[in-house]
């Protein structure tokens, strides 16, 4: 009994201890909760006393209606903004398309502009080259190339063709007639070209350059009562050694209908080409041959051309060898004279032609320069004058 009583007392004591521990823990938890409540109360707003719950509900309903109206207005504005945004998107798409077209057109224009600039640069290059070539041609005397006057030993030459039969005692073979005929044909062409350049009309003569078979016509005044149809076809206007207005009048291709103008008809036609018979004894004893008369007529044309140059500028033009009938520089141009004299006469003739060619080209260049200055195109470059021959 005593043992069971002591056992029950121990059990009760342990329960009391457990209860005490539990109570202590609960008091500690309560203290923590109270402390936490005080913390919450410190941060929580103080409660407001409301005396009328119905007023609060009316205010809330009014606030709700106001917010609903604001929401509807916001939704309406949003719809309008969405429409505006759609319009702006369409405008942006149109601008993008226009920008794309613009850049395509710009690239095409740039390509065409580059092509144009390349073509322009090419044309400018060609123009500069052509201008330089034109200046070079303006400074070039074509007569120096068309009629190259020089000498081959004792013989005067034109374009490499010798003039004169031969010099005695030099041991060289005589110049063949076909070469001399070609040379005199070149001289005839040169005199005719210089007369055309100077616009000079020969009085009483007409040159017919035909290569190795060139001729010269002697003209006489037509009868006062009118010329026949055959004569009128070969007649021409009579003018002194002055510049002619038209080339047709100088060549005598048409007859003038003006009764106050002197008409000319062909009197005779002389040759500027010869043959071996010119040096025969029989030919020396007979009258003048057509070849000798042609050479004398050629000297007459050269003399008229020289007189024209002297009339233009008697100070600057001074022909070295004067021409008197069939003599130039005192030597006869007739083949029947000695071979030495004929060669010297040909040399004097070519020297005079150098002077005439230099003067005619110089005067023509000055006239072109004056015309260019008056028209405002600038001066024409000076023409290179050919060299002047020395005396024999």
Protein backbone atom coordinates (compact mmCIF):
# COMPACT_ATOMS: atom_id res chain seq x y z
CA UNK A 1 0.00 0.00 0.00
CA UNK A 2 2.75 2.26 0.96
CA UNK A 3 4.49 1.51 -2.32
CA UNK A 4 1.46 2.28 -4.43
CA UNK A 5 0.88 5.51 -2.53
CA UNK A 6 4.40 6.70 -3.16
CA UNK A 7 4.06 5.77 -6.81
CA UNK A 8 0.90 7.79 -7.16
CA UNK A 9 2.51 10.75 -5.44
CA UNK A 10 5.35 10.71 -7.88
CA UNK A 11 3.04 10.60 -10.78
CA UNK A 12 1.05 13.58 -9.55
CA UNK A 13 4.16 15.53 -8.91
CA UNK A 14 5.39 14.96 -12.42
CA UNK A 15 2.10 16.07 -13.80
CA UNK A 16 2.18 19.22 -11.77
CA UNK A 17 5.62 19.94 -13.07
CA UNK A 18 4.50 19.38 -16.61
CA UNK A 19 1.55 21.68 -16.10
CA UNK A 20 3.79 24.30 -14.64
CA UNK A 21 6.16 24.12 -17.62
CA UNK A 22 3.24 24.31 -20.01
CA UNK A 23 1.79 27.29 -18.21
CA UNK A 24 5.14 29.05 -18.36
CA UNK A 25 5.35 28.46 -22.08
CA UNK A 26 1.83 29.72 -22.63
CA UNK A 27 2.59 32.86 -20.62
CA UNK A 28 5.71 33.40 -22.76
CA UNK A 29 3.70 32.94 -25.96
CA UNK A 30 1.07 35.33 -24.65
CA UNK A 31 3.72 37.89 -23.86
CA UNK A 32 5.06 37.52 -27.41
CA UNK A 33 1.63 37.93 -28.91
CA UNK A 34 0.91 40.99 -26.81
CA UNK A 35 4.22 42.49 -27.89
CA UNK A 36 3.39 41.73 -31.51
CA UNK A 37 -0.05 43.27 -31.05
CA UNK A 38 1.52 46.43 -29.68
CA UNK A 39 3.77 46.57 -32.76
CA UNK A 40 0.82 46.16 -35.08
CA UNK A 41 -1.10 48.78 -33.21
CA UNK A 42 1.76 51.21 -33.56
CA UNK A 43 1.76 50.89 -37.41
CA UNK A 44 -2.01 50.46 -37.96
CA UNK A 45 -4.08 53.68 -38.54
CA UNK A 46 -6.41 54.64 -35.77
CA UNK A 47 -9.96 53.53 -36.35
CA UNK A 48 -12.39 56.27 -37.46
CA UNK A 49 -15.68 56.47 -35.85
CA UNK A 50 -18.60 56.43 -38.32
CA UNK A 51 -21.93 57.48 -37.16
CA UNK A 52 -23.83 56.90 -40.40
CA UNK A 53 -23.06 53.82 -42.53
CA UNK A 54 -25.63 54.95 -45.18
CA UNK A 55 -23.66 58.10 -46.07
CA UNK A 56 -20.54 56.01 -46.61
CA UNK A 57 -22.43 53.74 -49.01
CA UNK A 58 -23.77 56.72 -51.03
CA UNK A 59 -20.30 58.16 -51.31
CA UNK A 60 -18.96 54.84 -52.47
CA UNK A 61 -21.72 54.49 -55.06
CA UNK A 62 -21.07 58.04 -56.32
CA UNK A 63 -17.35 57.29 -56.47
CA UNK A 64 -18.08 54.09 -58.38
CA UNK A 65 -20.25 55.95 -60.91
CA UNK A 66 -17.59 58.61 -61.36
CA UNK A 67 -14.93 55.97 -61.93
CA UNK A 68 -17.20 54.14 -64.37
CA UNK A 69 -17.70 57.38 -66.34
CA UNK A 70 -13.96 57.97 -66.36
CA UNK A 71 -13.45 54.41 -67.55
CA UNK A 72 -15.97 54.86 -70.40
CA UNK A 73 -14.28 58.11 -71.42
CA UNK A 74 -10.90 56.40 -71.33
CA UNK A 75 -12.22 53.54 -73.45
CA UNK A 76 -13.68 56.03 -75.97
CA UNK A 77 -10.37 57.89 -76.10
CA UNK A 78 -8.56 54.57 -76.50
CA UNK A 79 -10.79 53.67 -79.48
CA UNK A 80 -10.11 57.10 -81.05
CA UNK A 81 -6.40 56.68 -80.45
CA UNK A 82 -6.51 53.24 -82.02
CA UNK A 83 -8.17 54.74 -85.13
CA UNK A 84 -5.57 57.51 -85.23
CA UNK A 85 -2.84 54.91 -84.79
CA UNK A 86 -4.27 52.91 -87.70
CA UNK A 87 -4.32 56.04 -89.89
CA UNK A 88 -0.75 56.85 -88.89
CA UNK A 89 0.29 53.28 -89.69
CA UNK A 90 -1.30 53.61 -93.16
CA UNK A 91 0.46 56.96 -93.68
CA UNK A 92 3.74 55.40 -92.54
CA UNK A 93 3.29 52.54 -95.01
CA UNK A 94 2.57 55.07 -97.80
CA UNK A 95 5.65 57.08 -96.82
CA UNK A 96 7.74 53.92 -96.85
CA UNK A 97 6.50 53.11 -100.35
CA UNK A 98 7.13 56.70 -101.49
CA UNK A 99 10.61 56.59 -99.95
CA UNK A 100 11.31 53.31 -101.74
CA UNK A 101 10.19 54.85 -105.05
CA UNK A 102 12.25 57.94 -104.36
CA UNK A 103 15.41 55.94 -103.76
CA UNK A 104 14.80 53.87 -106.89
CA UNK A 105 14.41 57.08 -108.90
CA UNK A 106 17.44 58.60 -107.16
CA UNK A 107 19.61 55.59 -107.96
CA UNK A 108 18.41 55.62 -111.58
CA UNK A 109 19.17 59.35 -111.80
CA UNK A 110 22.60 58.84 -110.28
CA UNK A 111 23.32 56.11 -112.82
CA UNK A 112 22.18 58.31 -115.71
CA UNK A 113 24.13 61.25 -114.27
CA UNK A 114 27.29 59.18 -114.06
CA UNK A 115 26.77 57.99 -117.62
CA UNK A 116 26.23 61.59 -118.74
CA UNK A 117 29.31 62.77 -116.87
CA UNK A 118 31.38 59.98 -118.40
CA UNK A 119 30.11 60.90 -121.88
CA UNK A 120 30.70 64.59 -121.14
CA UNK A 121 34.26 63.90 -119.98
CA UNK A 122 34.87 61.80 -123.09
CA UNK A 123 33.51 64.57 -125.30
CA UNK A 124 35.59 67.17 -123.46
CA UNK A 125 38.67 65.02 -123.98
CA UNK A 126 37.85 64.66 -127.67
CA UNK A 127 37.15 68.40 -127.88
CA UNK A 128 40.47 69.25 -126.24
CA UNK A 129 42.30 66.89 -128.57
CA UNK A 130 40.45 68.30 -131.58
CA UNK A 131 41.18 71.87 -130.41
CA UNK A 132 44.88 71.11 -130.06
CA UNK A 133 44.85 69.46 -133.47
CA UNK A 134 42.99 72.44 -134.94
CA UNK A 135 45.51 74.86 -133.44
CA UNK A 136 48.28 72.74 -134.90
CA UNK A 137 46.59 72.77 -138.29
CA UNK A 138 46.07 76.54 -138.06
CA UNK A 139 49.79 76.93 -137.46
CA UNK A 140 50.58 74.62 -140.37
CA UNK A 141 51.25 76.00 -143.81
CA UNK A 142 49.75 73.42 -146.14
CA UNK A 143 51.59 74.88 -149.09
CA UNK A 144 54.88 73.71 -147.57
CA UNK A 145 53.59 70.15 -147.91
CA UNK A 146 51.70 70.58 -151.17
CA UNK A 147 54.59 72.31 -152.93
CA UNK A 148 57.91 71.43 -151.33
CA UNK A 149 60.46 73.63 -153.05
CA UNK A 150 64.08 72.59 -152.71
CA UNK A 151 67.08 71.53 -154.73
CA UNK A 152 68.86 68.37 -155.76
CA UNK A 153 72.44 69.29 -156.39
CA UNK A 154 72.35 71.90 -159.12
CA UNK A 155 68.70 71.32 -159.98
CA UNK A 156 65.78 73.11 -158.38
CA UNK A 157 63.03 70.70 -157.30
CA UNK A 158 59.35 70.79 -156.48
CA UNK A 159 58.04 67.81 -154.53
CA UNK A 160 61.25 65.99 -155.40
CA UNK A 161 60.86 66.53 -159.17
CA UNK A 162 63.75 68.26 -160.89
CA UNK A 163 63.43 71.30 -163.16
CA UNK A 164 65.84 72.01 -166.03
CA UNK A 165 67.46 69.85 -168.62
CA UNK A 166 71.04 69.52 -167.36
CA UNK A 167 74.21 71.42 -166.52
CA UNK A 168 77.06 70.95 -168.92
CA UNK A 169 80.27 69.53 -167.58
CA UNK A 170 78.89 67.94 -164.42
CA UNK A 171 78.86 64.44 -165.89
CA UNK A 172 75.34 63.76 -164.62
CA UNK A 173 72.73 62.31 -166.98
CA UNK A 174 70.11 64.78 -168.19
CA UNK A 175 66.77 64.98 -166.41
CA UNK A 176 64.17 62.86 -168.24
CA UNK A 177 61.32 64.74 -169.85
CA UNK A 178 58.58 62.92 -167.98
CA UNK A 179 60.10 64.18 -164.70
CA UNK A 180 60.39 67.75 -165.99
CA UNK A 181 56.83 67.70 -167.33
CA UNK A 182 55.55 66.52 -163.95
CA UNK A 183 57.61 69.24 -162.23
CA UNK A 184 56.18 72.00 -164.46
CA UNK A 185 52.71 70.57 -163.82
CA UNK A 186 53.36 70.96 -160.08
CA UNK A 187 54.56 74.54 -160.64
CA UNK A 188 51.37 75.30 -162.61
CA UNK A 189 49.25 73.82 -159.83
CA UNK A 190 51.15 75.81 -157.20
CA UNK A 191 50.73 79.14 -159.04
CA UNK A 192 47.03 78.40 -159.55
CA UNK A 193 46.57 77.49 -155.86
CA UNK A 194 48.35 80.66 -154.70
CA UNK A 195 46.18 82.75 -157.00
CA UNK A 196 43.08 81.11 -155.55
CA UNK A 197 44.35 81.72 -152.01
CA UNK A 198 45.02 85.37 -152.74
CA UNK A 199 41.80 85.63 -154.82
CA UNK A 200 43.80 87.00 -157.72
CA UNK A 201 42.56 86.86 -161.30
CA UNK A 202 45.15 86.69 -164.04
CA UNK A 203 44.66 89.13 -166.91
CA UNK A 204 44.95 87.50 -170.31
CA UNK A 205 45.78 84.00 -169.07
CA UNK A 206 44.06 80.97 -167.62
CA UNK A 207 46.03 78.14 -166.01
CA UNK A 208 44.92 74.55 -166.66
CA UNK A 209 46.76 72.29 -164.15
CA UNK A 210 46.60 68.77 -165.56
CA UNK A 211 49.62 67.02 -164.07
CA UNK A 212 52.33 66.15 -166.59
CA UNK A 213 50.20 67.56 -169.42
CA UNK A 214 49.33 70.96 -167.96
CA UNK A 215 48.42 73.80 -170.29
CA UNK A 216 47.89 77.53 -170.19
CA UNK A 217 45.40 79.49 -172.27
CA UNK A 218 46.01 82.95 -173.66
CA UNK A 219 42.88 85.09 -173.62
CA UNK A 220 42.09 88.11 -175.76
CA UNK A 221 39.15 90.55 -175.55
CA UNK A 222 36.04 89.41 -177.33
CA UNK A 223 34.70 91.43 -180.26
CA UNK A 224 32.63 94.41 -179.22
CA UNK A 225 29.57 93.24 -181.21
CA UNK A 226 29.27 90.05 -179.06
CA UNK A 227 30.90 86.67 -179.12
CA UNK A 228 29.63 83.48 -180.66
CA UNK A 229 28.20 80.66 -178.57
CA UNK A 230 31.49 78.78 -178.73
CA UNK A 231 33.43 81.83 -177.66
CA UNK A 232 31.05 82.78 -174.87
CA UNK A 233 31.44 79.34 -173.26
CA UNK A 234 35.14 80.05 -172.69
CA UNK A 235 34.93 83.79 -172.00
CA UNK A 236 35.45 85.43 -168.65
CA UNK A 237 35.26 88.83 -166.96
CA UNK A 238 38.24 91.16 -167.36
CA UNK A 239 39.69 92.43 -164.14
CA UNK A 240 43.03 93.75 -163.11
CA UNK A 241 45.27 91.91 -160.69
CA UNK A 242 42.99 92.51 -157.71
CA UNK A 243 41.09 90.13 -155.41
CA UNK A 244 38.19 88.49 -157.23
CA UNK A 245 34.76 88.11 -155.65
CA UNK A 246 33.96 84.63 -156.97
CA UNK A 247 36.01 81.67 -158.02
CA UNK A 248 33.81 81.10 -161.05
CA UNK A 249 34.68 84.53 -162.38
CA UNK A 250 38.40 83.86 -161.90
CA UNK A 251 38.19 80.53 -163.67
CA UNK A 252 36.09 81.99 -166.45
CA UNK A 253 33.46 79.24 -166.21
CA UNK A 254 30.56 81.58 -166.90
CA UNK A 255 30.20 84.57 -169.15
CA UNK A 256 28.99 87.83 -167.72
CA UNK A 257 25.78 89.27 -169.11
CA UNK A 258 26.74 92.81 -168.12
CA UNK A 259 27.52 94.69 -171.35
CA UNK A 260 29.87 97.04 -169.47
CA UNK A 261 32.16 94.15 -168.47
CA UNK A 262 34.85 93.18 -170.96
CA UNK A 263 34.47 89.63 -172.28
CA UNK A 264 37.44 87.38 -173.09
CA UNK A 265 37.85 84.51 -175.50
CA UNK A 266 40.55 81.89 -175.88
CA UNK A 267 43.16 82.98 -178.39
CA UNK A 268 45.60 80.07 -178.06
CA UNK A 269 46.45 77.17 -175.78
CA UNK A 270 50.09 76.61 -174.87
CA UNK A 271 51.75 73.54 -173.42
CA UNK A 272 53.62 73.33 -170.12
CA UNK A 273 55.15 70.02 -171.15
CA UNK A 274 57.78 69.28 -173.75
CA UNK A 275 59.76 66.50 -175.32
CA UNK A 276 63.12 65.63 -176.82
CA UNK A 277 62.37 67.77 -179.90
CA UNK A 278 62.73 70.96 -177.88
CA UNK A 279 66.54 70.71 -178.05
CA UNK A 280 66.89 69.79 -181.69
CA UNK A 281 68.77 72.12 -183.99
CA UNK A 282 65.72 72.50 -186.21
CA UNK A 283 63.55 73.58 -183.29
CA UNK A 284 66.15 76.11 -182.21
CA UNK A 285 66.03 77.68 -185.68
CA UNK A 286 62.23 77.70 -185.97
CA UNK A 287 59.78 80.03 -184.26
CA UNK A 288 58.68 79.64 -180.68
CA UNK A 289 57.23 76.28 -179.76
CA UNK A 290 54.08 75.91 -177.69
CA UNK A 291 56.20 74.76 -174.76
CA UNK A 292 58.36 77.90 -174.82
CA UNK A 293 55.31 80.09 -175.20
CA UNK A 294 53.70 78.25 -172.29
CA UNK A 295 56.74 78.86 -170.09
CA UNK A 296 56.73 82.55 -171.02
CA UNK A 297 52.99 82.75 -170.22
CA UNK A 298 53.67 81.04 -166.89
CA UNK A 299 56.26 83.71 -166.08
CA UNK A 300 53.68 86.35 -166.96
CA UNK A 301 51.24 84.83 -164.45
CA UNK A 302 53.93 84.68 -161.77
CA UNK A 303 54.77 88.32 -162.49
CA UNK A 304 51.12 89.37 -162.10
CA UNK A 305 50.97 87.50 -158.79
CA UNK A 306 54.17 89.22 -157.64
CA UNK A 307 52.74 92.61 -158.64
CA UNK A 308 49.67 91.87 -156.54
CA UNK A 309 51.89 91.05 -153.54
CA UNK A 310 53.96 94.19 -154.06
CA UNK A 311 50.78 96.26 -154.25
CA UNK A 312 49.63 94.79 -150.93
CA UNK A 313 52.86 95.63 -149.08
CA UNK A 314 55.73 97.03 -151.16
CA UNK A 315 57.98 97.30 -148.11
CA UNK A 316 57.65 93.75 -146.81
CA UNK A 317 57.49 92.02 -150.18
CA UNK A 318 60.66 92.20 -152.21
CA UNK A 319 60.96 89.44 -154.78
CA UNK A 320 64.66 88.61 -155.28
CA UNK A 321 64.58 87.93 -159.02
CA UNK A 322 62.63 90.32 -161.27
CA UNK A 323 60.72 88.96 -164.26
CA UNK A 324 60.97 90.63 -167.64
CA UNK A 325 59.13 88.94 -170.48
CA UNK A 326 60.84 85.52 -170.88
CA UNK A 327 63.63 86.22 -168.40
CA UNK A 328 63.74 85.78 -164.66
CA UNK A 329 66.79 87.05 -162.80
CA UNK A 330 68.38 87.78 -166.17
CA UNK A 331 68.13 84.16 -167.39
CA UNK A 332 65.79 83.09 -170.16
CA UNK A 333 63.17 80.46 -169.37
CA UNK A 334 63.23 79.18 -172.95
CA UNK A 335 64.75 75.69 -173.40
CA UNK A 336 66.49 76.77 -176.61
CA UNK A 337 69.01 78.68 -174.49
CA UNK A 338 71.91 76.86 -172.90
CA UNK A 339 71.13 74.16 -170.39
CA UNK A 340 73.00 76.04 -167.67
CA UNK A 341 70.95 79.21 -168.22
CA UNK A 342 67.70 77.24 -168.25
CA UNK A 343 68.53 75.54 -164.95
CA UNK A 344 69.44 78.90 -163.40
CA UNK A 345 66.20 80.42 -164.68
CA UNK A 346 64.25 77.56 -163.07
CA UNK A 347 66.12 78.12 -159.80
CA UNK A 348 65.24 81.83 -159.90
CA UNK A 349 61.61 80.94 -160.60
CA UNK A 350 61.38 78.59 -157.60
CA UNK A 351 63.02 81.22 -155.37
CA UNK A 352 60.45 83.81 -156.44
CA UNK A 353 57.68 81.29 -155.79
CA UNK A 354 59.01 80.80 -152.23
CA UNK A 355 58.68 84.52 -151.59
CA UNK A 356 55.21 84.69 -153.10
CA UNK A 357 54.05 81.65 -151.14
CA UNK A 358 55.39 83.09 -147.88
CA UNK A 359 53.73 86.46 -148.47
CA UNK A 360 50.37 85.07 -149.62
CA UNK A 361 50.07 82.73 -146.63
CA UNK A 362 51.11 85.53 -144.26
CA UNK A 363 48.54 87.95 -145.67
CA UNK A 364 45.84 85.26 -145.55
CA UNK A 365 46.68 84.49 -141.91
CA UNK A 366 46.49 88.18 -141.00
CA UNK A 367 43.13 88.48 -142.74
CA UNK A 368 41.77 85.45 -140.89
CA UNK A 369 43.07 86.84 -137.60
CA UNK A 370 41.34 90.16 -138.28
CA UNK A 371 38.06 88.42 -139.14
CA UNK A 372 38.28 86.28 -136.02
CA UNK A 373 39.01 89.33 -133.85
CA UNK A 374 36.05 91.22 -135.30
CA UNK A 375 33.73 88.25 -134.76
CA UNK A 376 34.99 87.79 -131.19
CA UNK A 377 36.42 84.30 -131.72
CA UNK A 378 39.98 85.18 -130.85
CA UNK A 379 43.04 85.52 -132.98
CA UNK A 380 44.06 82.85 -135.44
CA UNK A 381 47.53 81.43 -134.69
CA UNK A 382 50.28 82.66 -136.95
CA UNK A 383 50.98 80.47 -139.97
CA UNK A 384 54.48 79.14 -140.33
CA UNK A 385 55.90 80.86 -143.40
CA UNK A 386 58.03 78.76 -145.74
CA UNK A 387 61.71 79.38 -146.05
CA UNK A 388 62.92 82.01 -148.49
CA UNK A 389 65.30 80.85 -151.19
CA UNK A 390 68.77 82.22 -151.53
CA UNK A 391 70.08 83.87 -154.65
CA UNK A 392 71.74 81.70 -157.25
